[in-house]
């Protein structure tokens, strides 16, 4: 059985309408959700990418390499490095070069960052509360998008 999908040629080109584009719907939703996070994180002095770094580091529960962290939150090293440097300056993370491989850098959340856990949990809960879909729908949509992302990568 072939995994190649066959599509019928569209008769009316309706598939080319802007409102039929998954990419645009995803981009718009991402921007709107990120805007919600930005508004709620600003009083804490955090950006949305910094929020993602912290929750990824807490999830990994210990030092992790920059490469593994970047993979976890889908950020390239070129974007992640200045982000981590700013977080280090704010004393939210520490960085340490690997003793054996100087190209490898280990990152870990600080105790100061740990003090933000409850506040960041409240931020996430408020974002979920403001979304116009139920938590079970959010979970299902997240799983669907994760499956799609994995299949496309």
N, C-alpha and C. Protein backbone atom coordinates (compact mmCIF):
# COMPACT_ATOMS: atom_id res chain seq x y z
N UNK A 1 0.84 -1.17 0.00
CA UNK A 1 0.00 0.00 0.00
C UNK A 1 0.89 1.24 0.00
N UNK A 2 0.65 2.12 -0.90
CA UNK A 2 1.46 3.32 -1.04
C UNK A 2 1.02 4.38 -0.04
N UNK A 3 2.02 5.13 0.50
CA UNK A 3 1.68 6.20 1.43
C UNK A 3 1.45 7.52 0.69
N UNK A 4 1.59 7.51 -0.63
CA UNK A 4 1.36 8.72 -1.41
C UNK A 4 -0.13 8.95 -1.54
N UNK A 5 -0.56 10.16 -1.22
CA UNK A 5 -1.98 10.49 -1.31
C UNK A 5 -2.29 11.02 -2.69
N UNK A 6 -3.46 10.66 -3.16
CA UNK A 6 -3.93 11.16 -4.45
C UNK A 6 -5.06 12.15 -4.20
N UNK A 7 -4.95 13.31 -4.80
CA UNK A 7 -5.99 14.33 -4.66
C UNK A 7 -6.61 14.59 -6.01
N UNK A 8 -7.91 14.75 -6.00
CA UNK A 8 -8.61 15.12 -7.23
C UNK A 8 -8.29 16.57 -7.56
N UNK A 9 -8.22 16.86 -8.82
CA UNK A 9 -7.98 18.25 -9.24
C UNK A 9 -9.18 19.10 -8.84
N UNK A 10 -8.94 20.25 -8.23
CA UNK A 10 -10.07 21.10 -7.85
C UNK A 10 -10.73 21.69 -9.08
N UNK A 11 -12.05 21.67 -9.08
CA UNK A 11 -12.79 22.24 -10.20
C UNK A 11 -12.89 23.76 -10.08
N UNK A 12 -12.99 24.25 -8.84
CA UNK A 12 -13.27 25.67 -8.65
C UNK A 12 -12.13 26.44 -7.98
N UNK A 13 -11.02 25.80 -7.75
CA UNK A 13 -9.85 26.41 -7.11
C UNK A 13 -10.13 26.93 -5.69
N UNK A 14 -11.19 26.43 -5.05
CA UNK A 14 -11.52 26.88 -3.70
C UNK A 14 -10.41 26.53 -2.70
N UNK A 15 -9.61 25.53 -3.01
CA UNK A 15 -8.50 25.17 -2.12
C UNK A 15 -7.46 26.28 -2.06
N UNK A 16 -7.50 27.19 -3.02
CA UNK A 16 -6.54 28.29 -3.04
C UNK A 16 -7.05 29.53 -2.33
N UNK A 17 -8.22 29.46 -1.72
CA UNK A 17 -8.73 30.60 -0.95
C UNK A 17 -7.90 30.75 0.33
N UNK A 18 -7.69 31.98 0.73
CA UNK A 18 -6.90 32.26 1.93
C UNK A 18 -7.47 31.55 3.15
N UNK A 19 -8.79 31.52 3.28
CA UNK A 19 -9.38 30.90 4.47
C UNK A 19 -9.28 29.37 4.46
N UNK A 20 -8.73 28.79 3.42
CA UNK A 20 -8.52 27.35 3.35
C UNK A 20 -7.07 26.96 3.67
N UNK A 21 -6.24 27.93 4.02
CA UNK A 21 -4.81 27.69 4.23
C UNK A 21 -4.51 27.39 5.70
N UNK A 22 -4.14 26.15 5.96
CA UNK A 22 -3.78 25.74 7.31
C UNK A 22 -2.63 26.59 7.84
N UNK A 23 -1.66 26.88 6.99
CA UNK A 23 -0.49 27.65 7.44
C UNK A 23 -0.90 29.01 7.99
N UNK A 24 -1.85 29.66 7.36
CA UNK A 24 -2.29 30.97 7.83
C UNK A 24 -3.07 30.86 9.14
N UNK A 25 -3.91 29.85 9.24
CA UNK A 25 -4.67 29.66 10.48
C UNK A 25 -3.71 29.38 11.65
N UNK A 26 -2.69 28.54 11.41
CA UNK A 26 -1.71 28.25 12.46
C UNK A 26 -0.91 29.49 12.83
N UNK A 27 -0.48 30.24 11.83
CA UNK A 27 0.30 31.45 12.07
C UNK A 27 -0.51 32.47 12.87
N UNK A 28 -1.75 32.66 12.51
CA UNK A 28 -2.61 33.62 13.20
C UNK A 28 -2.85 33.18 14.64
N UNK A 29 -3.18 31.91 14.84
CA UNK A 29 -3.40 31.40 16.20
C UNK A 29 -2.14 31.54 17.04
N UNK A 30 -1.01 31.20 16.47
CA UNK A 30 0.26 31.32 17.19
C UNK A 30 0.51 32.77 17.62
N UNK A 31 0.29 33.70 16.72
CA UNK A 31 0.49 35.12 17.05
C UNK A 31 -0.45 35.58 18.15
N UNK A 32 -1.70 35.18 18.07
CA UNK A 32 -2.68 35.61 19.07
C UNK A 32 -2.40 35.00 20.45
N UNK A 33 -2.02 33.73 20.48
CA UNK A 33 -1.71 33.09 21.76
C UNK A 33 -0.43 33.68 22.34
N UNK A 34 0.57 33.91 21.49
CA UNK A 34 1.81 34.52 21.96
C UNK A 34 1.55 35.91 22.52
N UNK A 35 0.64 36.65 21.90
CA UNK A 35 0.27 37.98 22.40
C UNK A 35 -0.32 37.88 23.81
N UNK A 36 -1.17 36.87 24.03
CA UNK A 36 -1.73 36.65 25.38
C UNK A 36 -0.61 36.41 26.39
N UNK A 37 0.31 35.51 26.03
CA UNK A 37 1.43 35.21 26.92
C UNK A 37 2.26 36.46 27.19
N UNK A 38 2.56 37.21 26.13
CA UNK A 38 3.39 38.41 26.27
C UNK A 38 2.79 39.38 27.29
N UNK A 39 1.47 39.59 27.20
CA UNK A 39 0.77 40.50 28.11
C UNK A 39 0.88 40.01 29.56
N UNK A 40 0.74 38.71 29.76
CA UNK A 40 0.76 38.15 31.11
C UNK A 40 2.17 37.99 31.67
N UNK A 41 3.16 37.81 30.79
CA UNK A 41 4.54 37.63 31.23
C UNK A 41 5.26 38.95 31.48
N UNK A 42 4.81 40.01 30.82
CA UNK A 42 5.49 41.31 30.93
C UNK A 42 5.66 41.77 32.39
N UNK A 43 4.63 41.66 33.24
CA UNK A 43 4.82 42.10 34.63
C UNK A 43 5.90 41.30 35.38
N UNK A 44 6.21 40.11 34.88
CA UNK A 44 7.26 39.28 35.50
C UNK A 44 8.63 39.56 34.89
N UNK A 45 8.65 40.42 33.87
CA UNK A 45 9.91 40.75 33.20
C UNK A 45 10.40 39.64 32.29
N UNK A 46 9.48 38.80 31.82
CA UNK A 46 9.85 37.67 30.96
C UNK A 46 9.23 37.81 29.58
N UNK A 47 9.91 37.24 28.60
CA UNK A 47 9.36 37.13 27.25
C UNK A 47 8.81 35.71 27.07
N UNK A 48 8.04 35.52 26.02
CA UNK A 48 7.50 34.19 25.75
C UNK A 48 8.62 33.16 25.52
N UNK A 49 9.67 33.48 24.72
CA UNK A 49 10.76 32.50 24.57
C UNK A 49 11.45 32.18 25.91
N UNK A 50 11.60 33.16 26.78
CA UNK A 50 12.20 32.89 28.09
C UNK A 50 11.31 31.96 28.91
N UNK A 51 10.02 32.15 28.83
CA UNK A 51 9.06 31.26 29.49
C UNK A 51 9.26 29.83 29.00
N UNK A 52 9.37 29.66 27.68
CA UNK A 52 9.56 28.33 27.11
C UNK A 52 10.87 27.71 27.57
N UNK A 53 11.94 28.51 27.63
CA UNK A 53 13.23 28.00 28.11
C UNK A 53 13.09 27.50 29.54
N UNK A 54 12.48 28.30 30.40
CA UNK A 54 12.36 27.90 31.80
C UNK A 54 11.54 26.63 31.97
N UNK A 55 10.40 26.54 31.31
CA UNK A 55 9.60 25.33 31.51
C UNK A 55 10.29 24.11 30.91
N UNK A 56 11.05 24.29 29.83
CA UNK A 56 11.80 23.17 29.26
C UNK A 56 12.90 22.73 30.22
N UNK A 57 13.61 23.68 30.81
CA UNK A 57 14.67 23.33 31.76
C UNK A 57 14.10 22.63 32.99
N UNK A 58 12.97 23.10 33.48
CA UNK A 58 12.35 22.44 34.64
C UNK A 58 11.89 21.03 34.28
N UNK A 59 11.37 20.87 33.09
CA UNK A 59 10.92 19.55 32.64
C UNK A 59 12.09 18.59 32.53
N UNK A 60 13.21 19.08 32.02
CA UNK A 60 14.39 18.24 31.85
C UNK A 60 15.08 17.97 33.18
N UNK A 61 14.80 18.79 34.19
CA UNK A 61 15.21 18.57 35.58
C UNK A 61 16.72 18.37 35.74
N UNK A 62 17.46 19.36 35.34
CA UNK A 62 18.91 19.32 35.51
C UNK A 62 19.59 19.98 34.34
N UNK A 63 20.91 20.03 34.39
CA UNK A 63 21.63 20.67 33.28
C UNK A 63 21.34 19.97 31.95
N UNK A 64 21.22 20.77 30.92
CA UNK A 64 21.01 20.23 29.58
C UNK A 64 21.87 21.02 28.62
N UNK A 65 22.19 20.42 27.50
CA UNK A 65 23.01 21.13 26.53
C UNK A 65 22.17 22.14 25.76
N UNK A 66 22.85 23.14 25.24
CA UNK A 66 22.17 24.14 24.42
C UNK A 66 21.48 23.46 23.24
N UNK A 67 22.13 22.48 22.65
CA UNK A 67 21.55 21.77 21.51
C UNK A 67 20.26 21.06 21.86
N UNK A 68 20.28 20.34 22.99
CA UNK A 68 19.08 19.63 23.43
C UNK A 68 17.96 20.60 23.79
N UNK A 69 18.32 21.71 24.42
CA UNK A 69 17.33 22.72 24.78
C UNK A 69 16.72 23.33 23.52
N UNK A 70 17.56 23.66 22.55
CA UNK A 70 17.07 24.21 21.29
C UNK A 70 16.12 23.26 20.59
N UNK A 71 16.48 21.97 20.58
CA UNK A 71 15.60 20.96 19.97
C UNK A 71 14.26 20.91 20.70
N UNK A 72 14.31 20.99 22.01
CA UNK A 72 13.09 20.85 22.83
C UNK A 72 12.10 21.98 22.57
N UNK A 73 12.62 23.20 22.33
CA UNK A 73 11.71 24.34 22.14
C UNK A 73 11.76 24.88 20.71
N UNK A 74 12.33 24.11 19.81
CA UNK A 74 12.36 24.45 18.37
C UNK A 74 13.00 25.81 18.09
N UNK A 75 14.16 26.04 18.70
CA UNK A 75 14.93 27.26 18.43
C UNK A 75 16.33 26.88 17.95
N UNK A 76 16.77 27.54 16.90
CA UNK A 76 18.12 27.34 16.40
C UNK A 76 19.12 27.98 17.36
N UNK A 77 20.35 27.49 17.34
CA UNK A 77 21.39 27.99 18.22
C UNK A 77 21.59 29.50 18.08
N UNK A 78 21.49 30.01 16.85
CA UNK A 78 21.68 31.44 16.62
C UNK A 78 20.66 32.30 17.35
N UNK A 79 19.47 31.78 17.55
CA UNK A 79 18.43 32.51 18.31
C UNK A 79 18.53 32.20 19.80
N UNK A 80 18.91 30.98 20.11
CA UNK A 80 18.93 30.54 21.51
C UNK A 80 20.08 31.18 22.30
N UNK A 81 21.25 31.30 21.68
CA UNK A 81 22.42 31.81 22.40
C UNK A 81 22.20 33.20 22.98
N UNK A 82 21.75 34.20 22.19
CA UNK A 82 21.53 35.52 22.81
C UNK A 82 20.41 35.50 23.86
N UNK A 83 19.42 34.66 23.66
CA UNK A 83 18.34 34.52 24.63
C UNK A 83 18.88 34.02 25.97
N UNK A 84 19.71 32.98 25.91
CA UNK A 84 20.29 32.41 27.13
C UNK A 84 21.24 33.41 27.79
N UNK A 85 22.00 34.15 26.99
CA UNK A 85 22.89 35.17 27.56
C UNK A 85 22.11 36.22 28.34
N UNK A 86 20.96 36.66 27.80
CA UNK A 86 20.13 37.63 28.51
C UNK A 86 19.56 37.02 29.80
N UNK A 87 19.18 35.75 29.72
CA UNK A 87 18.64 35.08 30.90
C UNK A 87 19.72 34.88 31.96
N UNK A 88 20.95 34.63 31.51
CA UNK A 88 22.06 34.49 32.44
C UNK A 88 22.33 35.83 33.14
N UNK A 89 22.29 36.90 32.38
CA UNK A 89 22.49 38.23 32.95
C UNK A 89 21.42 38.54 33.99
N UNK A 90 20.19 38.07 33.76
CA UNK A 90 19.08 38.26 34.71
C UNK A 90 19.10 37.22 35.84
N UNK A 91 20.12 36.37 35.85
CA UNK A 91 20.30 35.33 36.87
C UNK A 91 19.19 34.30 36.89
N UNK A 92 18.63 34.02 35.71
CA UNK A 92 17.60 32.99 35.59
C UNK A 92 18.18 31.64 35.19
N UNK A 93 19.34 31.66 34.54
CA UNK A 93 20.02 30.43 34.14
C UNK A 93 21.52 30.59 34.38
N UNK A 94 22.18 29.45 34.44
CA UNK A 94 23.65 29.44 34.44
C UNK A 94 24.09 28.65 33.22
N UNK A 95 25.26 29.04 32.71
CA UNK A 95 25.86 28.32 31.58
C UNK A 95 27.24 27.85 32.01
N UNK A 96 27.62 26.67 31.50
CA UNK A 96 28.95 26.14 31.81
C UNK A 96 29.45 25.35 30.61
N UNK A 97 30.66 25.66 30.18
CA UNK A 97 31.27 24.90 29.10
C UNK A 97 31.62 23.50 29.60
N UNK A 98 31.44 22.53 28.74
CA UNK A 98 31.79 21.15 29.06
C UNK A 98 33.31 21.07 29.23
N UNK A 99 33.76 20.38 30.27
CA UNK A 99 35.20 20.26 30.52
C UNK A 99 35.91 19.47 29.43
N UNK A 100 35.23 18.50 28.85
CA UNK A 100 35.85 17.64 27.83
C UNK A 100 35.67 18.16 26.41
N UNK A 101 34.53 18.76 26.15
CA UNK A 101 34.22 19.25 24.80
C UNK A 101 33.83 20.72 24.91
N UNK A 102 34.76 21.60 24.61
CA UNK A 102 34.55 23.04 24.80
C UNK A 102 33.47 23.60 23.88
N UNK A 103 33.07 22.85 22.86
CA UNK A 103 31.98 23.30 21.98
C UNK A 103 30.62 23.13 22.65
N UNK A 104 30.55 22.27 23.61
CA UNK A 104 29.28 21.96 24.29
C UNK A 104 29.10 22.87 25.50
N UNK A 105 27.91 23.45 25.59
CA UNK A 105 27.58 24.34 26.71
C UNK A 105 26.36 23.76 27.43
N UNK A 106 26.47 23.68 28.75
CA UNK A 106 25.39 23.18 29.59
C UNK A 106 24.63 24.35 30.20
N UNK A 107 23.32 24.24 30.25
CA UNK A 107 22.46 25.30 30.78
C UNK A 107 21.59 24.70 31.89
N UNK A 108 21.37 25.50 32.92
CA UNK A 108 20.53 25.05 34.03
C UNK A 108 19.78 26.25 34.60
N UNK A 109 18.53 26.02 35.01
CA UNK A 109 17.74 27.07 35.66
C UNK A 109 18.30 27.32 37.06
N UNK A 110 18.24 28.57 37.49
CA UNK A 110 18.73 28.94 38.82
C UNK A 110 17.61 28.83 39.86
N UNK A 111 18.01 28.98 41.10
CA UNK A 111 17.03 29.03 42.19
C UNK A 111 16.10 30.22 42.01
N UNK A 112 16.66 31.35 41.55
CA UNK A 112 15.83 32.54 41.30
C UNK A 112 14.74 32.21 40.29
N UNK A 113 15.10 31.49 39.23
CA UNK A 113 14.10 31.09 38.23
C UNK A 113 13.07 30.17 38.85
N UNK A 114 13.53 29.26 39.71
CA UNK A 114 12.61 28.34 40.38
C UNK A 114 11.53 29.05 41.17
N UNK A 115 11.86 30.24 41.67
CA UNK A 115 10.89 31.03 42.41
C UNK A 115 9.75 31.55 41.55
N UNK A 116 9.89 31.42 40.23
CA UNK A 116 8.84 31.88 39.30
C UNK A 116 7.86 30.78 38.91
N UNK A 117 8.10 29.56 39.33
CA UNK A 117 7.26 28.43 38.88
C UNK A 117 5.78 28.66 39.10
N UNK A 118 5.40 29.02 40.30
CA UNK A 118 3.97 29.19 40.60
C UNK A 118 3.37 30.32 39.77
N UNK A 119 4.12 31.40 39.60
CA UNK A 119 3.62 32.51 38.80
C UNK A 119 3.46 32.11 37.34
N UNK A 120 4.39 31.31 36.83
CA UNK A 120 4.29 30.86 35.44
C UNK A 120 3.16 29.85 35.27
N UNK A 121 2.91 29.06 36.28
CA UNK A 121 1.76 28.16 36.24
C UNK A 121 0.47 28.98 36.18
N UNK A 122 0.41 30.04 36.94
CA UNK A 122 -0.76 30.93 36.91
C UNK A 122 -0.92 31.59 35.55
N UNK A 123 0.19 31.96 34.93
CA UNK A 123 0.14 32.55 33.58
C UNK A 123 -0.45 31.55 32.61
N UNK A 124 0.05 30.32 32.63
CA UNK A 124 -0.47 29.31 31.71
C UNK A 124 -1.96 29.07 31.93
N UNK A 125 -2.35 28.97 33.18
CA UNK A 125 -3.77 28.73 33.48
C UNK A 125 -4.64 29.89 33.00
N UNK A 126 -4.13 31.11 33.09
CA UNK A 126 -4.89 32.26 32.62
C UNK A 126 -4.99 32.25 31.10
N UNK A 127 -3.93 31.85 30.42
CA UNK A 127 -4.00 31.73 28.95
C UNK A 127 -5.07 30.70 28.58
N UNK A 128 -5.04 29.55 29.22
CA UNK A 128 -6.03 28.50 28.95
C UNK A 128 -7.44 29.02 29.22
N UNK A 129 -7.60 29.76 30.30
CA UNK A 129 -8.91 30.31 30.66
C UNK A 129 -9.42 31.27 29.58
N UNK A 130 -8.53 32.03 28.98
CA UNK A 130 -8.93 33.03 27.99
C UNK A 130 -9.17 32.45 26.60
N UNK A 131 -8.69 31.24 26.35
CA UNK A 131 -8.91 30.64 25.04
C UNK A 131 -10.37 30.22 24.89
N UNK A 132 -10.93 30.37 23.70
CA UNK A 132 -12.35 30.07 23.50
C UNK A 132 -12.63 28.59 23.23
N UNK A 133 -11.75 27.72 23.69
CA UNK A 133 -11.98 26.28 23.56
C UNK A 133 -11.71 25.63 24.91
N UNK A 134 -12.29 24.44 25.11
CA UNK A 134 -12.18 23.73 26.39
C UNK A 134 -10.77 23.14 26.56
N UNK A 135 -10.35 22.92 27.80
CA UNK A 135 -9.04 22.32 28.05
C UNK A 135 -8.83 20.98 27.34
N UNK A 136 -9.88 20.14 27.25
CA UNK A 136 -9.72 18.86 26.55
C UNK A 136 -9.50 19.09 25.06
N UNK A 137 -10.10 20.13 24.50
CA UNK A 137 -9.87 20.45 23.09
C UNK A 137 -8.46 20.99 22.89
N UNK A 138 -7.97 21.76 23.85
CA UNK A 138 -6.59 22.26 23.78
C UNK A 138 -5.63 21.08 23.78
N UNK A 139 -5.86 20.12 24.66
CA UNK A 139 -4.98 18.94 24.74
C UNK A 139 -5.02 18.14 23.45
N UNK A 140 -6.21 17.95 22.88
CA UNK A 140 -6.34 17.19 21.63
C UNK A 140 -5.67 17.93 20.48
N UNK A 141 -5.87 19.24 20.40
CA UNK A 141 -5.25 20.03 19.34
C UNK A 141 -3.73 20.02 19.47
N UNK A 142 -3.24 20.13 20.68
CA UNK A 142 -1.79 20.09 20.92
C UNK A 142 -1.21 18.76 20.46
N UNK A 143 -1.86 17.64 20.82
CA UNK A 143 -1.38 16.32 20.39
C UNK A 143 -1.39 16.21 18.87
N UNK A 144 -2.45 16.67 18.23
CA UNK A 144 -2.56 16.61 16.77
C UNK A 144 -1.42 17.40 16.12
N UNK A 145 -1.17 18.61 16.61
CA UNK A 145 -0.10 19.43 16.05
C UNK A 145 1.27 18.83 16.31
N UNK A 146 1.48 18.25 17.49
CA UNK A 146 2.75 17.59 17.78
C UNK A 146 2.97 16.40 16.84
N UNK A 147 1.93 15.62 16.59
CA UNK A 147 2.04 14.50 15.65
C UNK A 147 2.38 15.00 14.25
N UNK A 148 1.71 16.07 13.82
CA UNK A 148 1.98 16.63 12.50
C UNK A 148 3.42 17.15 12.43
N UNK A 149 3.85 17.87 13.46
CA UNK A 149 5.22 18.40 13.48
C UNK A 149 6.24 17.28 13.40
N UNK A 150 6.01 16.21 14.14
CA UNK A 150 6.93 15.08 14.13
C UNK A 150 6.97 14.44 12.74
N UNK A 151 5.83 14.28 12.12
CA UNK A 151 5.77 13.66 10.79
C UNK A 151 6.45 14.53 9.73
N UNK A 152 6.40 15.84 9.91
CA UNK A 152 6.99 16.75 8.92
C UNK A 152 8.47 17.01 9.14
N UNK A 153 8.98 16.65 10.32
CA UNK A 153 10.40 16.96 10.58
C UNK A 153 11.32 15.82 10.19
